[in-house]
N, C-alpha and C. Protein backbone atom coordinates (compact mmCIF):
# COMPACT_ATOMS: atom_id res chain seq x y z
N UNK A 1 0.90 -1.17 0.06
CA UNK A 1 0.08 -0.07 -0.03
C UNK A 1 0.94 1.18 -0.04
N UNK A 2 0.49 2.27 -0.80
CA UNK A 2 1.31 3.46 -0.84
C UNK A 2 1.05 4.27 0.41
N UNK A 3 1.98 4.30 1.33
CA UNK A 3 1.70 5.07 2.51
C UNK A 3 2.01 6.65 2.35
N UNK A 4 2.74 7.04 1.32
CA UNK A 4 2.82 8.44 1.05
C UNK A 4 1.38 9.08 0.75
N UNK A 5 0.59 8.32 -0.01
CA UNK A 5 -0.72 8.99 -0.25
C UNK A 5 -1.45 8.99 1.14
N UNK A 6 -1.52 7.80 1.73
CA UNK A 6 -2.17 7.77 3.02
C UNK A 6 -1.66 8.86 3.99
N UNK A 7 -0.53 9.28 4.13
CA UNK A 7 0.07 10.09 5.18
C UNK A 7 -0.66 11.51 4.90
N UNK A 8 -1.18 11.91 3.84
CA UNK A 8 -1.93 13.11 3.56
C UNK A 8 -3.29 13.11 4.22
N UNK A 9 -3.89 12.16 4.77
CA UNK A 9 -5.14 12.04 5.34
C UNK A 9 -5.10 12.15 7.02
N UNK A 10 -6.19 12.65 7.44
CA UNK A 10 -6.19 12.72 8.95
C UNK A 10 -6.35 11.25 9.40
N UNK A 11 -6.07 11.04 10.64
CA UNK A 11 -6.19 9.56 11.08
C UNK A 11 -5.62 8.56 10.46
N UNK A 12 -4.28 8.85 9.80
CA UNK A 12 -3.78 8.00 8.95
C UNK A 12 -3.49 6.65 9.76
N UNK A 13 -2.96 6.79 11.04
CA UNK A 13 -2.61 5.47 11.67
C UNK A 13 -3.80 4.53 11.83
N UNK A 14 -4.93 5.00 12.26
CA UNK A 14 -6.15 4.28 12.37
C UNK A 14 -6.44 3.64 11.11
N UNK A 15 -6.50 4.50 10.13
CA UNK A 15 -6.90 3.99 8.65
C UNK A 15 -6.00 2.80 8.22
N UNK A 16 -4.70 3.00 8.43
CA UNK A 16 -3.70 1.92 8.15
C UNK A 16 -3.93 0.69 9.05
N UNK A 17 -4.06 0.94 10.18
CA UNK A 17 -4.33 -0.23 11.15
C UNK A 17 -5.54 -0.95 10.87
N UNK A 18 -6.74 -0.35 10.59
CA UNK A 18 -7.95 -0.98 10.23
C UNK A 18 -7.97 -1.73 8.89
N UNK A 19 -7.21 -1.34 7.99
CA UNK A 19 -7.36 -1.93 6.62
C UNK A 19 -5.80 -1.97 6.15
N UNK A 20 -5.59 -3.20 5.53
CA UNK A 20 -4.18 -3.32 4.96
C UNK A 20 -4.58 -3.38 3.34
N UNK A 21 -5.60 -3.08 3.05
CA UNK A 21 -5.83 -3.03 1.58
C UNK A 21 -6.20 -1.72 0.99
N UNK A 22 -6.15 -1.42 -0.31
CA UNK A 22 -6.49 -0.18 -0.87
C UNK A 22 -7.87 0.25 -0.73
N UNK A 23 -8.91 -0.88 -0.97
CA UNK A 23 -10.30 -0.68 -0.93
C UNK A 23 -10.88 -0.21 0.39
N UNK A 24 -10.15 -0.88 1.40
CA UNK A 24 -10.56 -0.55 2.79
C UNK A 24 -10.06 0.96 3.06
N UNK A 25 -9.10 1.17 2.68
CA UNK A 25 -8.66 2.74 2.89
C UNK A 25 -9.57 3.61 2.11
N UNK A 26 -9.91 3.43 0.82
CA UNK A 26 -10.70 4.19 0.03
C UNK A 26 -12.22 4.35 0.71
N UNK A 27 -12.71 3.21 1.22
CA UNK A 27 -13.97 3.32 1.96
C UNK A 27 -13.95 4.06 3.06
N UNK A 28 -12.84 4.27 3.79
CA UNK A 28 -12.80 5.13 4.90
C UNK A 28 -12.94 6.53 4.55
N UNK A 29 -12.51 6.93 3.31
CA UNK A 29 -12.42 8.35 2.83
C UNK A 29 -13.89 8.65 2.37
N UNK A 30 -14.62 7.63 1.54
CA UNK A 30 -15.85 7.95 0.97
C UNK A 30 -16.99 7.21 1.45
N UNK A 31 -16.71 6.34 2.41
CA UNK A 31 -17.57 5.20 2.80
C UNK A 31 -18.72 5.41 3.83
N UNK A 32 -18.97 6.61 4.29
CA UNK A 32 -19.88 6.81 5.37
C UNK A 32 -21.31 6.78 4.60
N UNK A 33 -22.16 6.91 5.38
CA UNK A 33 -23.63 6.69 4.80
C UNK A 33 -23.87 8.00 3.89
N UNK A 34 -23.30 9.07 4.07
CA UNK A 34 -23.54 10.49 3.49
C UNK A 34 -22.43 10.94 2.59
N UNK A 35 -21.21 10.59 2.89
CA UNK A 35 -20.00 11.26 2.38
C UNK A 35 -20.15 11.18 0.83
N UNK A 36 -20.25 10.19 0.32
CA UNK A 36 -20.26 10.05 -1.15
C UNK A 36 -21.23 10.72 -1.88
N UNK A 37 -22.39 10.75 -1.04
CA UNK A 37 -23.75 11.40 -1.76
C UNK A 37 -23.33 12.98 -1.64
N UNK A 38 -22.80 13.42 -0.56
CA UNK A 38 -22.41 14.83 -0.41
C UNK A 38 -21.33 15.29 -1.55
N UNK A 39 -20.31 14.34 -1.57
CA UNK A 39 -19.27 14.76 -2.49
C UNK A 39 -19.79 14.59 -3.93
N UNK A 40 -20.71 13.71 -4.12
CA UNK A 40 -21.45 13.67 -5.58
C UNK A 40 -22.04 14.92 -5.91
N UNK A 41 -22.78 15.56 -5.01
CA UNK A 41 -23.55 16.78 -5.19
C UNK A 41 -22.55 17.98 -5.45
N UNK A 42 -21.47 17.89 -4.72
CA UNK A 42 -20.47 18.95 -5.02
C UNK A 42 -19.84 18.79 -6.33
N UNK A 43 -19.45 17.50 -6.66
CA UNK A 43 -18.78 17.35 -7.93
C UNK A 43 -19.72 17.71 -9.09
N UNK A 44 -20.95 17.41 -8.91
CA UNK A 44 -22.03 17.76 -10.00
C UNK A 44 -22.37 19.37 -9.99
N UNK A 45 -22.09 20.00 -8.95
CA UNK A 45 -22.44 21.41 -8.85
C UNK A 45 -21.31 22.17 -8.16
N UNK A 46 -20.29 22.50 -8.81
CA UNK A 46 -19.31 23.24 -8.35
C UNK A 46 -19.78 24.62 -7.73
N UNK A 47 -19.21 25.16 -6.92
CA UNK A 47 -19.69 26.40 -6.23
C UNK A 47 -21.00 26.26 -5.50
N UNK A 48 -21.32 25.01 -5.00
CA UNK A 48 -22.65 24.88 -4.39
C UNK A 48 -22.59 25.34 -2.96
N UNK A 49 -23.69 25.89 -2.63
CA UNK A 49 -23.91 26.57 -1.30
C UNK A 49 -24.48 25.52 -0.31
N UNK A 50 -24.38 25.81 1.03
CA UNK A 50 -24.79 24.80 1.95
C UNK A 50 -26.30 24.56 1.76
N UNK A 51 -27.10 25.55 1.59
CA UNK A 51 -28.67 25.43 1.43
C UNK A 51 -29.00 24.66 0.27
N UNK A 52 -28.20 24.67 -0.79
CA UNK A 52 -28.56 24.01 -2.10
C UNK A 52 -28.22 22.55 -1.83
N UNK A 53 -27.12 22.26 -1.00
CA UNK A 53 -26.72 20.86 -0.54
C UNK A 53 -27.83 20.19 0.21
N UNK A 54 -28.35 20.98 1.25
CA UNK A 54 -29.55 20.49 2.17
C UNK A 54 -30.67 20.25 1.30
N UNK A 55 -30.89 21.18 0.39
CA UNK A 55 -32.14 20.73 -0.54
C UNK A 55 -31.96 19.51 -1.44
N UNK A 56 -30.77 19.35 -1.80
CA UNK A 56 -30.58 18.20 -2.77
C UNK A 56 -30.40 16.93 -1.94
N UNK A 57 -30.12 16.91 -0.68
CA UNK A 57 -30.03 15.77 0.24
C UNK A 57 -31.09 15.94 1.44
N UNK A 58 -32.35 15.94 1.13
CA UNK A 58 -33.35 16.41 2.17
C UNK A 58 -33.30 15.50 3.49
N UNK A 59 -32.98 14.23 3.42
CA UNK A 59 -33.06 13.41 4.43
C UNK A 59 -31.88 13.41 5.52
N UNK A 60 -30.95 14.30 5.21
CA UNK A 60 -29.70 14.35 5.90
C UNK A 60 -29.99 15.47 7.05
N UNK A 61 -29.55 15.34 8.24
CA UNK A 61 -29.69 16.25 9.30
C UNK A 61 -28.74 17.40 9.09
N UNK A 62 -29.02 18.64 9.54
CA UNK A 62 -27.93 19.83 9.46
C UNK A 62 -26.63 19.38 10.36
N UNK A 63 -26.80 18.80 11.46
CA UNK A 63 -25.70 18.26 12.16
C UNK A 63 -24.73 17.43 11.44
N UNK A 64 -25.42 16.50 10.77
CA UNK A 64 -24.55 15.41 10.06
C UNK A 64 -24.04 15.99 8.78
N UNK A 65 -24.72 16.96 8.12
CA UNK A 65 -24.28 17.65 6.88
C UNK A 65 -22.99 18.36 7.18
N UNK A 66 -23.26 19.19 8.32
CA UNK A 66 -22.02 20.06 8.70
C UNK A 66 -20.73 19.15 9.18
N UNK A 67 -21.04 18.11 9.89
CA UNK A 67 -19.87 17.30 10.30
C UNK A 67 -19.32 16.63 9.16
N UNK A 68 -20.00 15.99 8.13
CA UNK A 68 -19.37 15.42 6.90
C UNK A 68 -18.76 16.46 6.15
N UNK A 69 -19.10 17.73 5.96
CA UNK A 69 -18.51 18.63 5.22
C UNK A 69 -17.05 18.85 5.79
N UNK A 70 -17.13 19.00 7.03
CA UNK A 70 -15.78 19.26 7.74
C UNK A 70 -14.79 18.12 7.47
N UNK A 71 -15.35 16.85 7.50
CA UNK A 71 -14.38 15.69 7.29
C UNK A 71 -14.01 15.54 5.80
N UNK A 72 -14.77 16.02 4.90
CA UNK A 72 -14.43 15.99 3.51
C UNK A 72 -13.31 17.27 3.23
N UNK A 73 -13.49 18.24 3.87
CA UNK A 73 -12.58 19.36 3.85
C UNK A 73 -11.17 18.75 4.50
N UNK A 74 -11.18 18.21 5.58
CA UNK A 74 -10.16 17.73 6.26
C UNK A 74 -9.30 16.67 5.44
N UNK A 75 -9.96 16.01 4.63
CA UNK A 75 -9.52 15.03 3.69
C UNK A 75 -9.02 15.59 2.32
N UNK A 76 -9.09 17.05 2.32
CA UNK A 76 -8.82 17.71 1.11
C UNK A 76 -9.59 17.22 -0.13
N UNK A 77 -10.83 16.84 -0.02
CA UNK A 77 -11.73 16.51 -1.08
C UNK A 77 -12.52 17.73 -1.54
N UNK A 78 -12.72 18.61 -0.67
CA UNK A 78 -13.44 19.87 -0.99
C UNK A 78 -12.80 20.95 -0.40
N UNK A 79 -13.13 22.18 -0.82
CA UNK A 79 -12.83 23.39 -0.20
C UNK A 79 -13.98 24.14 0.25
N UNK A 80 -13.90 24.98 1.23
CA UNK A 80 -14.82 25.89 1.72
C UNK A 80 -14.55 27.34 1.72
N UNK A 81 -15.22 28.04 0.91
CA UNK A 81 -14.89 29.39 0.81
C UNK A 81 -16.13 30.18 1.47
N UNK A 82 -15.71 31.13 2.39
CA UNK A 82 -16.77 31.91 2.98
C UNK A 82 -16.45 33.38 2.55
N UNK A 83 -17.65 34.06 2.48
CA UNK A 83 -17.78 35.40 1.99
C UNK A 83 -18.27 36.34 3.29
N UNK A 84 -17.70 37.42 3.31
CA UNK A 84 -17.91 38.19 4.43
C UNK A 84 -19.22 39.10 4.25
N UNK A 85 -20.29 38.38 4.21
CA UNK A 85 -21.63 39.04 3.88
C UNK A 85 -22.54 38.71 4.94
N UNK A 86 -23.76 39.44 5.02
CA UNK A 86 -24.74 39.04 5.79
C UNK A 86 -25.94 39.14 4.94
N UNK A 87 -26.59 38.01 4.94
CA UNK A 87 -26.40 36.69 5.61
C UNK A 87 -25.12 36.02 5.34
N UNK A 88 -24.42 35.35 5.99
CA UNK A 88 -23.20 34.63 5.64
C UNK A 88 -23.36 33.69 4.26
N UNK A 89 -22.46 33.81 3.51
CA UNK A 89 -22.42 33.05 2.27
C UNK A 89 -21.30 31.99 2.36
N UNK A 90 -21.46 30.81 2.11
CA UNK A 90 -20.32 29.72 2.05
C UNK A 90 -20.56 28.86 0.80
N UNK A 91 -19.43 28.77 0.02
CA UNK A 91 -19.39 27.88 -1.21
C UNK A 91 -18.54 26.62 -0.89
N UNK A 92 -18.98 25.42 -1.43
CA UNK A 92 -18.07 24.49 -1.43
C UNK A 92 -17.75 23.96 -2.90
N UNK A 93 -16.47 23.62 -3.05
CA UNK A 93 -15.92 23.16 -4.31
C UNK A 93 -15.16 22.04 -4.32
N UNK A 94 -15.16 21.14 -5.17
CA UNK A 94 -14.13 19.96 -5.25
C UNK A 94 -12.76 20.33 -5.43
N UNK A 95 -11.90 19.68 -4.86
CA UNK A 95 -10.45 19.89 -5.13
C UNK A 95 -10.00 18.87 -6.26
N UNK A 96 -8.76 19.04 -6.56
CA UNK A 96 -8.36 17.98 -7.55
C UNK A 96 -8.37 16.54 -7.10
N UNK A 97 -8.05 16.36 -5.69
CA UNK A 97 -8.28 15.07 -5.18
C UNK A 97 -9.78 14.72 -5.12
N UNK A 98 -10.53 15.55 -4.88
CA UNK A 98 -12.03 15.36 -4.93
C UNK A 98 -12.47 14.81 -6.23
N UNK A 99 -12.07 15.73 -7.21
CA UNK A 99 -12.38 15.46 -8.67
C UNK A 99 -11.84 14.09 -9.20
N UNK A 100 -10.79 13.70 -8.61
CA UNK A 100 -10.21 12.33 -8.97
C UNK A 100 -11.25 11.03 -8.61
N UNK A 101 -12.19 11.54 -7.77
CA UNK A 101 -13.18 10.46 -7.37
C UNK A 101 -14.32 10.37 -8.23
N UNK A 102 -14.60 11.35 -9.26
CA UNK A 102 -15.66 11.41 -10.08
C UNK A 102 -16.02 10.24 -10.96
N UNK A 103 -15.02 9.64 -11.57
CA UNK A 103 -15.20 8.44 -12.41
C UNK A 103 -15.84 7.18 -11.36
N UNK A 104 -15.10 7.10 -10.10
CA UNK A 104 -15.58 6.05 -9.17
C UNK A 104 -17.13 6.27 -8.77
N UNK A 105 -17.35 7.53 -8.51
CA UNK A 105 -18.63 7.86 -7.83
C UNK A 105 -19.84 7.70 -9.04
N UNK A 106 -19.36 8.07 -10.27
CA UNK A 106 -20.24 8.06 -11.36
C UNK A 106 -20.47 6.54 -11.74
N UNK A 107 -19.55 5.63 -11.61
CA UNK A 107 -19.68 4.17 -11.93
C UNK A 107 -20.74 3.73 -10.76
N UNK A 108 -20.50 4.15 -9.46
CA UNK A 108 -21.41 3.67 -8.35
C UNK A 108 -22.88 4.10 -8.66
N UNK A 109 -22.99 5.41 -9.18
CA UNK A 109 -24.19 6.00 -9.53
C UNK A 109 -24.98 4.92 -10.58
N UNK A 110 -24.15 4.72 -11.72
CA UNK A 110 -24.74 3.91 -12.66
C UNK A 110 -25.24 2.39 -12.14
N UNK A 111 -24.15 1.91 -11.41
CA UNK A 111 -24.53 0.64 -10.81
C UNK A 111 -25.76 0.77 -9.96
N UNK A 112 -26.06 1.80 -9.27
CA UNK A 112 -27.10 2.00 -8.31
C UNK A 112 -28.31 2.04 -9.05
N UNK A 113 -28.41 2.83 -10.23
CA UNK A 113 -29.50 2.93 -11.11
C UNK A 113 -29.89 1.65 -11.56
N UNK A 114 -28.85 0.80 -12.07
CA UNK A 114 -29.33 -0.43 -12.72
C UNK A 114 -29.78 -1.55 -11.69
N UNK A 115 -29.47 -1.39 -10.53
CA UNK A 115 -29.77 -2.49 -9.48
C UNK A 115 -30.84 -2.02 -8.30
N UNK A 116 -31.24 -0.75 -8.47
CA UNK A 116 -32.21 -0.23 -7.40
C UNK A 116 -33.42 -0.86 -7.24
N UNK A 117 -34.02 -1.26 -8.47
CA UNK A 117 -35.35 -1.70 -8.46
C UNK A 117 -35.25 -3.19 -8.47
């Protein structure tokens, strides 16, 4: 396993300890119930605001959305840009690392559509 890439992620020791394979590591990055869905929305709609994300994922709570956005940002999959306005304006964008997951998430989306029903 390439530990140079893993060292760029938070909690790398736990991730390496829990999984000795690359698929296990990848799932710690995108594998929560909501993370891949949130990232998918950000990839499909660059410069997306928090309210737009919440509308696009109506079953997620505000608390969980905020927590998962922080984790995605900590893993350098998205960036958060806040504007000094009232009311506050925040936009989320995918990083190049986040964009590198587009093909994977797109294939998961296609697979899900084929097997949902």
